Amino acid sequence: MATLTVWKFSDAGEAEKATQTLASLQSQGLINVQDEAIVTWPEGRKKPKTVQEHNTVGAGALGGGFWGLLFGLIFFIPLIGAAVGAAIGAMTGSMVDVGIDDNFIKQVRQEVTPGTSALFVLSTDAVEDRVAEAFKGYSGASLIYTNLSKDQEQNLRAAFAE
């Protein structure tokens, strides 16, 4: 079973630093990272900056289409006019099919705001207590996650296969 984890940090630069911790955890066999992306949102900016990490290219990587859709749903919906509401509803529905529901999207939207950053990770086989301990030293680190069933993970990979 895969888990989509969002580590939110109270500093706009912390997510970038946290990728090193994530790489260390993976090298120790404490987590299997399938794909990851970073969101940084400095104070005073209207939109966050999003970056898909390049070091996860491989069989497990989902690709930019997934991250683009997810970040669009989380961060840009309030800026889109009502004329595209039906299309957004269809996209949101497709995310529910892969285990990413409205509550997850709303929670991330509420917590990742100007002045913060976040590390988004699709992973398996995490030793949860050791991973959580590794992130405790970061500024205002908090965890948001959703577990994906095997079927949801397969649907996710099928929907965003590049």
N, C-alpha and C. Protein backbone atom coordinates (compact mmCIF):
# COMPACT_ATOMS: atom_id res chain seq x y z
N MET A 1 0.85 -1.17 0.00
CA MET A 1 0.00 0.00 0.00
C MET A 1 0.89 1.24 0.00
N ALA A 2 0.54 2.20 -0.84
CA ALA A 2 1.29 3.45 -0.92
C ALA A 2 0.67 4.51 -0.02
N THR A 3 1.48 5.46 0.36
CA THR A 3 1.02 6.58 1.17
C THR A 3 1.44 7.87 0.49
N LEU A 4 0.51 8.80 0.38
CA LEU A 4 0.84 10.15 -0.08
C LEU A 4 0.97 11.00 1.18
N THR A 5 2.19 11.44 1.44
CA THR A 5 2.51 12.18 2.64
C THR A 5 2.84 13.62 2.28
N VAL A 6 2.35 14.56 3.08
CA VAL A 6 2.74 15.95 2.93
C VAL A 6 3.33 16.39 4.26
N TRP A 7 4.62 16.71 4.24
CA TRP A 7 5.27 17.30 5.41
C TRP A 7 5.23 18.79 5.21
N LYS A 8 4.50 19.48 6.05
CA LYS A 8 4.37 20.94 5.99
C LYS A 8 5.33 21.54 7.01
N PHE A 9 6.03 22.61 6.59
CA PHE A 9 6.99 23.29 7.43
C PHE A 9 6.61 24.76 7.57
N SER A 10 6.89 25.34 8.73
CA SER A 10 6.50 26.73 8.97
C SER A 10 7.49 27.74 8.40
N ASP A 11 8.47 27.27 7.64
CA ASP A 11 9.44 28.15 6.99
C ASP A 11 9.45 27.81 5.50
N ALA A 12 9.52 28.82 4.67
CA ALA A 12 9.44 28.61 3.22
C ALA A 12 10.62 27.83 2.65
N GLY A 13 11.74 27.74 3.36
CA GLY A 13 12.89 27.03 2.84
C GLY A 13 13.12 25.64 3.40
N GLU A 14 12.34 25.23 4.37
CA GLU A 14 12.58 23.96 5.06
C GLU A 14 12.33 22.72 4.20
N ALA A 15 11.37 22.76 3.30
CA ALA A 15 11.06 21.58 2.49
C ALA A 15 12.26 21.17 1.64
N GLU A 16 12.95 22.14 1.11
CA GLU A 16 14.14 21.84 0.30
C GLU A 16 15.19 21.12 1.13
N LYS A 17 15.40 21.58 2.35
CA LYS A 17 16.36 20.93 3.24
C LYS A 17 15.89 19.52 3.61
N ALA A 18 14.60 19.36 3.75
CA ALA A 18 14.05 18.07 4.17
C ALA A 18 14.26 16.97 3.13
N THR A 19 14.49 17.34 1.88
CA THR A 19 14.74 16.31 0.86
C THR A 19 16.02 15.53 1.18
N GLN A 20 16.98 16.19 1.83
CA GLN A 20 18.21 15.50 2.22
C GLN A 20 17.92 14.46 3.30
N THR A 21 17.07 14.83 4.25
CA THR A 21 16.67 13.88 5.29
C THR A 21 15.94 12.70 4.67
N LEU A 22 15.05 12.98 3.73
CA LEU A 22 14.30 11.93 3.05
C LEU A 22 15.25 10.98 2.31
N ALA A 23 16.24 11.53 1.62
CA ALA A 23 17.21 10.69 0.91
C ALA A 23 18.00 9.83 1.88
N SER A 24 18.34 10.39 3.03
CA SER A 24 19.07 9.62 4.04
C SER A 24 18.20 8.49 4.58
N LEU A 25 16.93 8.78 4.85
CA LEU A 25 16.02 7.75 5.34
C LEU A 25 15.88 6.62 4.33
N GLN A 26 15.82 6.99 3.05
CA GLN A 26 15.70 5.97 2.02
C GLN A 26 16.97 5.12 1.95
N SER A 27 18.13 5.75 2.04
CA SER A 27 19.38 4.99 1.98
C SER A 27 19.53 4.05 3.17
N GLN A 28 18.87 4.35 4.28
CA GLN A 28 18.89 3.49 5.45
C GLN A 28 17.82 2.40 5.39
N GLY A 29 17.01 2.41 4.35
CA GLY A 29 15.95 1.41 4.20
C GLY A 29 14.75 1.68 5.07
N LEU A 30 14.58 2.93 5.52
CA LEU A 30 13.47 3.27 6.41
C LEU A 30 12.23 3.76 5.67
N ILE A 31 12.36 3.98 4.36
CA ILE A 31 11.24 4.40 3.52
C ILE A 31 11.62 4.11 2.07
N ASN A 32 10.63 3.80 1.26
CA ASN A 32 10.84 3.59 -0.17
C ASN A 32 10.12 4.72 -0.89
N VAL A 33 10.86 5.71 -1.36
CA VAL A 33 10.28 6.88 -2.01
C VAL A 33 10.01 6.55 -3.47
N GLN A 34 8.74 6.66 -3.86
CA GLN A 34 8.34 6.44 -5.25
C GLN A 34 8.46 7.72 -6.07
N ASP A 35 8.07 8.84 -5.46
CA ASP A 35 8.12 10.13 -6.14
C ASP A 35 8.00 11.22 -5.09
N GLU A 36 8.50 12.42 -5.40
CA GLU A 36 8.41 13.52 -4.46
C GLU A 36 8.40 14.84 -5.21
N ALA A 37 7.84 15.84 -4.54
CA ALA A 37 7.80 17.19 -5.09
C ALA A 37 7.83 18.17 -3.92
N ILE A 38 8.27 19.38 -4.20
CA ILE A 38 8.41 20.42 -3.18
C ILE A 38 7.54 21.61 -3.55
N VAL A 39 6.94 22.20 -2.52
CA VAL A 39 6.22 23.46 -2.66
C VAL A 39 6.87 24.46 -1.72
N THR A 40 7.28 25.60 -2.24
CA THR A 40 7.78 26.69 -1.40
C THR A 40 6.90 27.90 -1.66
N TRP A 41 6.53 28.59 -0.57
CA TRP A 41 5.62 29.73 -0.70
C TRP A 41 6.11 30.87 0.19
N PRO A 42 7.07 31.66 -0.32
CA PRO A 42 7.57 32.78 0.47
C PRO A 42 6.48 33.81 0.76
N GLU A 43 6.61 34.48 1.89
CA GLU A 43 5.67 35.57 2.25
C GLU A 43 5.63 36.59 1.12
N GLY A 44 4.46 37.14 0.88
CA GLY A 44 4.30 38.19 -0.12
C GLY A 44 4.09 37.70 -1.53
N ARG A 45 4.21 36.42 -1.77
CA ARG A 45 3.99 35.86 -3.11
C ARG A 45 2.54 35.43 -3.24
N LYS A 46 1.96 35.62 -4.43
CA LYS A 46 0.57 35.22 -4.65
C LYS A 46 0.44 33.71 -4.82
N LYS A 47 1.45 33.09 -5.40
CA LYS A 47 1.38 31.66 -5.67
C LYS A 47 2.64 30.98 -5.16
N PRO A 48 2.52 29.70 -4.83
CA PRO A 48 3.71 28.95 -4.43
C PRO A 48 4.51 28.51 -5.65
N LYS A 49 5.76 28.18 -5.41
CA LYS A 49 6.61 27.59 -6.44
C LYS A 49 6.61 26.09 -6.20
N THR A 50 6.42 25.32 -7.27
CA THR A 50 6.39 23.86 -7.15
C THR A 50 7.51 23.26 -8.00
N VAL A 51 8.15 22.23 -7.46
CA VAL A 51 9.24 21.56 -8.17
C VAL A 51 9.12 20.06 -7.95
N GLN A 52 9.09 19.30 -9.05
CA GLN A 52 9.16 17.85 -8.93
C GLN A 52 10.64 17.50 -8.84
N GLU A 53 10.99 16.67 -7.87
CA GLU A 53 12.39 16.28 -7.71
C GLU A 53 12.82 15.38 -8.86
N HIS A 54 14.02 15.58 -9.39
CA HIS A 54 14.48 14.77 -10.52
C HIS A 54 15.10 13.45 -10.08
N ASN A 55 15.51 13.32 -8.85
CA ASN A 55 16.21 12.11 -8.43
C ASN A 55 15.30 10.91 -8.26
N THR A 56 14.01 11.06 -8.51
CA THR A 56 13.11 9.93 -8.34
C THR A 56 12.61 9.40 -9.67
N VAL A 57 13.23 9.80 -10.78
CA VAL A 57 12.81 9.30 -12.08
C VAL A 57 13.06 7.79 -12.11
N GLY A 58 12.06 7.06 -12.49
CA GLY A 58 12.20 5.60 -12.53
C GLY A 58 10.85 4.95 -12.57
N ALA A 59 10.84 3.68 -12.29
CA ALA A 59 9.62 2.88 -12.42
C ALA A 59 8.50 3.38 -11.53
N GLY A 60 8.81 3.91 -10.35
CA GLY A 60 7.77 4.33 -9.43
C GLY A 60 7.30 5.75 -9.63
N ALA A 61 8.03 6.56 -10.40
CA ALA A 61 7.70 7.97 -10.54
C ALA A 61 6.38 8.16 -11.28
N LEU A 62 5.61 9.13 -10.83
CA LEU A 62 4.31 9.40 -11.44
C LEU A 62 4.40 10.40 -12.57
N GLY A 63 5.33 11.32 -12.50
CA GLY A 63 5.48 12.31 -13.54
C GLY A 63 4.79 13.62 -13.21
N GLY A 64 5.09 14.61 -14.03
CA GLY A 64 4.61 15.97 -13.80
C GLY A 64 3.11 16.13 -13.93
N GLY A 65 2.45 15.27 -14.71
CA GLY A 65 1.01 15.40 -14.87
C GLY A 65 0.27 15.25 -13.55
N PHE A 66 0.67 14.28 -12.76
CA PHE A 66 0.05 14.06 -11.46
C PHE A 66 0.27 15.27 -10.56
N TRP A 67 1.54 15.67 -10.41
CA TRP A 67 1.85 16.78 -9.51
C TRP A 67 1.19 18.07 -10.00
N GLY A 68 1.17 18.29 -11.30
CA GLY A 68 0.53 19.49 -11.83
C GLY A 68 -0.96 19.53 -11.49
N LEU A 69 -1.65 18.42 -11.68
CA LEU A 69 -3.07 18.37 -11.36
C LEU A 69 -3.31 18.54 -9.87
N LEU A 70 -2.53 17.82 -9.07
CA LEU A 70 -2.72 17.91 -7.62
C LEU A 70 -2.46 19.34 -7.13
N PHE A 71 -1.36 19.94 -7.55
CA PHE A 71 -1.04 21.30 -7.10
C PHE A 71 -2.05 22.31 -7.65
N GLY A 72 -2.54 22.08 -8.85
CA GLY A 72 -3.58 22.95 -9.40
C GLY A 72 -4.85 22.90 -8.56
N LEU A 73 -5.25 21.71 -8.17
CA LEU A 73 -6.44 21.56 -7.34
C LEU A 73 -6.24 22.18 -5.95
N ILE A 74 -5.06 22.01 -5.39
CA ILE A 74 -4.82 22.52 -4.05
C ILE A 74 -4.66 24.03 -4.01
N PHE A 75 -3.84 24.58 -4.90
CA PHE A 75 -3.44 25.97 -4.76
C PHE A 75 -4.11 26.97 -5.69
N PHE A 76 -4.68 26.53 -6.79
CA PHE A 76 -5.15 27.51 -7.75
C PHE A 76 -6.65 27.54 -7.97
N ILE A 77 -7.41 26.61 -7.41
CA ILE A 77 -8.86 26.60 -7.61
C ILE A 77 -9.51 27.93 -7.20
N PRO A 78 -9.14 28.52 -6.07
CA PRO A 78 -9.80 29.76 -5.70
C PRO A 78 -9.59 30.88 -6.72
N LEU A 79 -8.58 30.77 -7.57
CA LEU A 79 -8.29 31.81 -8.55
C LEU A 79 -8.99 31.58 -9.88
N ILE A 80 -9.61 30.41 -10.05
CA ILE A 80 -10.24 30.07 -11.32
C ILE A 80 -11.71 30.45 -11.27
N GLY A 81 -12.21 31.01 -12.37
CA GLY A 81 -13.60 31.45 -12.44
C GLY A 81 -14.59 30.31 -12.45
N ALA A 82 -15.85 30.64 -12.21
CA ALA A 82 -16.90 29.63 -12.12
C ALA A 82 -17.16 28.93 -13.45
N ALA A 83 -16.75 29.53 -14.56
CA ALA A 83 -17.00 28.95 -15.88
C ALA A 83 -16.34 27.59 -16.06
N VAL A 84 -15.29 27.33 -15.32
CA VAL A 84 -14.62 26.04 -15.46
C VAL A 84 -14.92 25.10 -14.30
N GLY A 85 -15.96 25.41 -13.55
CA GLY A 85 -16.30 24.60 -12.38
C GLY A 85 -16.58 23.15 -12.70
N ALA A 86 -17.25 22.88 -13.82
CA ALA A 86 -17.56 21.49 -14.18
C ALA A 86 -16.28 20.71 -14.47
N ALA A 87 -15.33 21.34 -15.17
CA ALA A 87 -14.07 20.66 -15.47
C ALA A 87 -13.30 20.38 -14.19
N ILE A 88 -13.30 21.34 -13.28
CA ILE A 88 -12.61 21.15 -12.01
C ILE A 88 -13.28 20.03 -11.22
N GLY A 89 -14.60 19.99 -11.26
CA GLY A 89 -15.32 18.91 -10.57
C GLY A 89 -14.94 17.55 -11.12
N ALA A 90 -14.79 17.46 -12.43
CA ALA A 90 -14.39 16.18 -13.04
C ALA A 90 -12.98 15.81 -12.63
N MET A 91 -12.07 16.79 -12.58
CA MET A 91 -10.69 16.51 -12.17
C MET A 91 -10.66 16.07 -10.71
N THR A 92 -11.42 16.76 -9.87
CA THR A 92 -11.47 16.39 -8.46
C THR A 92 -12.01 14.98 -8.31
N GLY A 93 -13.03 14.66 -9.09
CA GLY A 93 -13.59 13.31 -9.05
C GLY A 93 -12.56 12.26 -9.43
N SER A 94 -11.72 12.57 -10.42
CA SER A 94 -10.70 11.60 -10.82
C SER A 94 -9.67 11.41 -9.72
N MET A 95 -9.41 12.43 -8.92
CA MET A 95 -8.46 12.29 -7.82
C MET A 95 -9.06 11.43 -6.71
N VAL A 96 -10.39 11.53 -6.50
CA VAL A 96 -11.04 10.70 -5.49
C VAL A 96 -10.89 9.23 -5.88
N ASP A 97 -10.97 8.93 -7.18
CA ASP A 97 -10.82 7.55 -7.65
C ASP A 97 -9.46 6.97 -7.29
N VAL A 98 -8.45 7.81 -7.11
CA VAL A 98 -7.12 7.32 -6.77
C VAL A 98 -6.78 7.56 -5.30
N GLY A 99 -7.79 7.84 -4.48
CA GLY A 99 -7.59 7.92 -3.04
C GLY A 99 -7.27 9.29 -2.49
N ILE A 100 -7.36 10.31 -3.30
CA ILE A 100 -7.06 11.67 -2.84
C ILE A 100 -8.39 12.42 -2.81
N ASP A 101 -8.97 12.52 -1.63
CA ASP A 101 -10.31 13.08 -1.52
C ASP A 101 -10.29 14.58 -1.20
N ASP A 102 -11.49 15.16 -1.21
CA ASP A 102 -11.65 16.59 -0.95
C ASP A 102 -11.09 17.01 0.41
N ASN A 103 -11.25 16.16 1.43
CA ASN A 103 -10.76 16.52 2.76
C ASN A 103 -9.24 16.67 2.77
N PHE A 104 -8.55 15.77 2.08
CA PHE A 104 -7.10 15.86 1.98
C PHE A 104 -6.71 17.15 1.27
N ILE A 105 -7.34 17.43 0.15
CA ILE A 105 -7.04 18.63 -0.62
C ILE A 105 -7.31 19.88 0.22
N LYS A 106 -8.44 19.93 0.90
CA LYS A 106 -8.78 21.08 1.74
C LYS A 106 -7.79 21.27 2.89
N GLN A 107 -7.39 20.17 3.52
CA GLN A 107 -6.46 20.28 4.64
C GLN A 107 -5.11 20.83 4.18
N VAL A 108 -4.62 20.32 3.05
CA VAL A 108 -3.35 20.84 2.54
C VAL A 108 -3.50 22.31 2.16
N ARG A 109 -4.59 22.66 1.53
CA ARG A 109 -4.83 24.06 1.13
C ARG A 109 -4.85 24.98 2.34
N GLN A 110 -5.44 24.54 3.44
CA GLN A 110 -5.52 25.36 4.65
C GLN A 110 -4.17 25.50 5.34
N GLU A 111 -3.33 24.48 5.27
CA GLU A 111 -2.09 24.49 6.03
C GLU A 111 -0.88 25.01 5.26
N VAL A 112 -0.83 24.78 3.95
CA VAL A 112 0.29 25.25 3.15
C VAL A 112 -0.10 26.62 2.59
N THR A 113 0.40 27.65 3.24
CA THR A 113 0.02 29.04 2.96
C THR A 113 1.29 29.88 2.81
N PRO A 114 1.15 31.17 2.44
CA PRO A 114 2.35 32.00 2.32
C PRO A 114 3.21 31.95 3.59
N GLY A 115 4.52 31.82 3.37
CA GLY A 115 5.47 31.73 4.47
C GLY A 115 5.80 30.31 4.88
N THR A 116 5.20 29.31 4.22
CA THR A 116 5.44 27.91 4.55
C THR A 116 6.02 27.18 3.34
N SER A 117 6.34 25.92 3.55
CA SER A 117 6.76 25.05 2.45
C SER A 117 6.25 23.65 2.77
N ALA A 118 6.32 22.78 1.77
CA ALA A 118 5.85 21.41 1.97
C ALA A 118 6.62 20.46 1.08
N LEU A 119 6.80 19.26 1.59
CA LEU A 119 7.43 18.17 0.86
C LEU A 119 6.35 17.11 0.64
N PHE A 120 6.00 16.87 -0.61
CA PHE A 120 5.00 15.88 -0.98
C PHE A 120 5.74 14.60 -1.38
N VAL A 121 5.35 13.47 -0.79
CA VAL A 121 6.07 12.21 -1.01
C VAL A 121 5.08 11.08 -1.24
N LEU A 122 5.25 10.36 -2.33
CA LEU A 122 4.53 9.11 -2.53
C LEU A 122 5.51 8.01 -2.16
N SER A 123 5.14 7.20 -1.16
CA SER A 123 6.09 6.21 -0.64
C SER A 123 5.39 4.92 -0.23
N THR A 124 6.24 3.92 0.02
CA THR A 124 5.79 2.65 0.58
C THR A 124 6.80 2.23 1.63
N ASP A 125 6.41 1.28 2.43
CA ASP A 125 7.31 0.61 3.38
C ASP A 125 8.01 1.55 4.35
N ALA A 126 7.33 2.57 4.81
CA ALA A 126 7.94 3.51 5.76
C ALA A 126 7.93 2.93 7.17
N VAL A 127 9.02 3.12 7.86
CA VAL A 127 9.09 2.83 9.29
C VAL A 127 8.65 4.13 9.96
N GLU A 128 7.35 4.22 10.22
CA GLU A 128 6.71 5.49 10.54
C GLU A 128 7.34 6.24 11.71
N ASP A 129 7.63 5.56 12.81
CA ASP A 129 8.17 6.27 13.96
C ASP A 129 9.55 6.84 13.68
N ARG A 130 10.37 6.12 12.93
CA ARG A 130 11.72 6.60 12.60
C ARG A 130 11.66 7.77 11.62
N VAL A 131 10.75 7.71 10.66
CA VAL A 131 10.58 8.81 9.71
C VAL A 131 10.08 10.05 10.44
N ALA A 132 9.08 9.90 11.28
CA ALA A 132 8.54 11.03 12.05
C ALA A 132 9.62 11.65 12.93
N GLU A 133 10.41 10.83 13.56
CA GLU A 133 11.50 11.32 14.42
C GLU A 133 12.50 12.15 13.62
N ALA A 134 12.80 11.72 12.41
CA ALA A 134 13.78 12.42 11.58
C ALA A 134 13.32 13.83 11.20
N PHE A 135 12.00 14.04 11.11
CA PHE A 135 11.49 15.35 10.71
C PHE A 135 11.19 16.27 11.90
N LYS A 136 11.31 15.79 13.13
CA LYS A 136 10.99 16.60 14.30
C LYS A 136 11.88 17.84 14.46
N GLY A 137 13.10 17.80 13.94
CA GLY A 137 14.01 18.91 14.10
C GLY A 137 13.75 20.08 13.16
N TYR A 138 12.79 19.94 12.27
CA TYR A 138 12.50 21.00 11.31
C TYR A 138 11.48 21.99 11.86
N SER A 139 11.60 23.22 11.40
CA SER A 139 10.74 24.32 11.85
C SER A 139 9.27 24.03 11.58
N GLY A 140 8.51 23.84 12.64
CA GLY A 140 7.06 23.67 12.53
C GLY A 140 6.62 22.52 11.66
N ALA A 141 7.35 21.42 11.66
CA ALA A 141 6.98 20.28 10.82
C ALA A 141 5.69 19.65 11.30
N SER A 142 4.77 19.42 10.36
CA SER A 142 3.55 18.69 10.67
C SER A 142 3.22 17.78 9.49
N LEU A 143 2.50 16.73 9.77
CA LEU A 143 2.24 15.67 8.79
C LEU A 143 0.78 15.66 8.36
N ILE A 144 0.58 15.57 7.06
CA ILE A 144 -0.74 15.38 6.46
C ILE A 144 -0.57 14.18 5.53
N TYR A 145 -1.44 13.19 5.60
CA TYR A 145 -1.24 12.04 4.73
C TYR A 145 -2.56 11.38 4.38
N THR A 146 -2.50 10.57 3.33
CA THR A 146 -3.61 9.71 2.96
C THR A 146 -3.03 8.39 2.49
N ASN A 147 -3.60 7.29 2.95
CA ASN A 147 -3.16 5.97 2.52
C ASN A 147 -3.94 5.57 1.27
N LEU A 148 -3.25 4.95 0.33
CA LEU A 148 -3.87 4.50 -0.91
C LEU A 148 -3.92 2.98 -0.90
N SER A 149 -5.08 2.43 -1.21
CA SER A 149 -5.18 0.98 -1.34
C SER A 149 -4.38 0.55 -2.57
N LYS A 150 -4.14 -0.76 -2.72
CA LYS A 150 -3.43 -1.24 -3.90
C LYS A 150 -4.18 -0.87 -5.18
N ASP A 151 -5.51 -0.97 -5.15
CA ASP A 151 -6.30 -0.59 -6.32
C ASP A 151 -6.17 0.89 -6.63
N GLN A 152 -6.23 1.74 -5.59
CA GLN A 152 -6.09 3.17 -5.80
C GLN A 152 -4.71 3.51 -6.34
N GLU A 153 -3.68 2.84 -5.82
CA GLU A 153 -2.32 3.08 -6.32
C GLU A 153 -2.22 2.68 -7.79
N GLN A 154 -2.79 1.54 -8.15
CA GLN A 154 -2.77 1.10 -9.55
C GLN A 154 -3.53 2.09 -10.43
N ASN A 155 -4.69 2.58 -9.96
CA ASN A 155 -5.45 3.57 -10.72
C ASN A 155 -4.65 4.86 -10.90
N LEU A 156 -3.95 5.26 -9.84
CA LEU A 156 -3.13 6.46 -9.89
C LEU A 156 -2.03 6.30 -10.94
N ARG A 157 -1.35 5.19 -10.91
CA ARG A 157 -0.27 4.95 -11.88
C ARG A 157 -0.81 4.87 -13.31
N ALA A 158 -1.97 4.24 -13.48
CA ALA A 158 -2.57 4.14 -14.80
C ALA A 158 -3.01 5.51 -15.32
N ALA A 159 -3.60 6.30 -14.45
CA ALA A 159 -4.10 7.61 -14.86
C ALA A 159 -2.99 8.57 -15.24
N PHE A 160 -1.81 8.43 -14.61
CA PHE A 160 -0.75 9.40 -14.84
C PHE A 160 0.49 8.78 -15.47
N ALA A 161 0.35 7.60 -16.07
CA ALA A 161 1.49 6.98 -16.76
C ALA A 161 1.92 7.88 -17.90
N GLU A 162 3.25 8.09 -17.97
CA GLU A 162 3.76 8.96 -19.05
C GLU A 162 4.41 8.13 -20.13
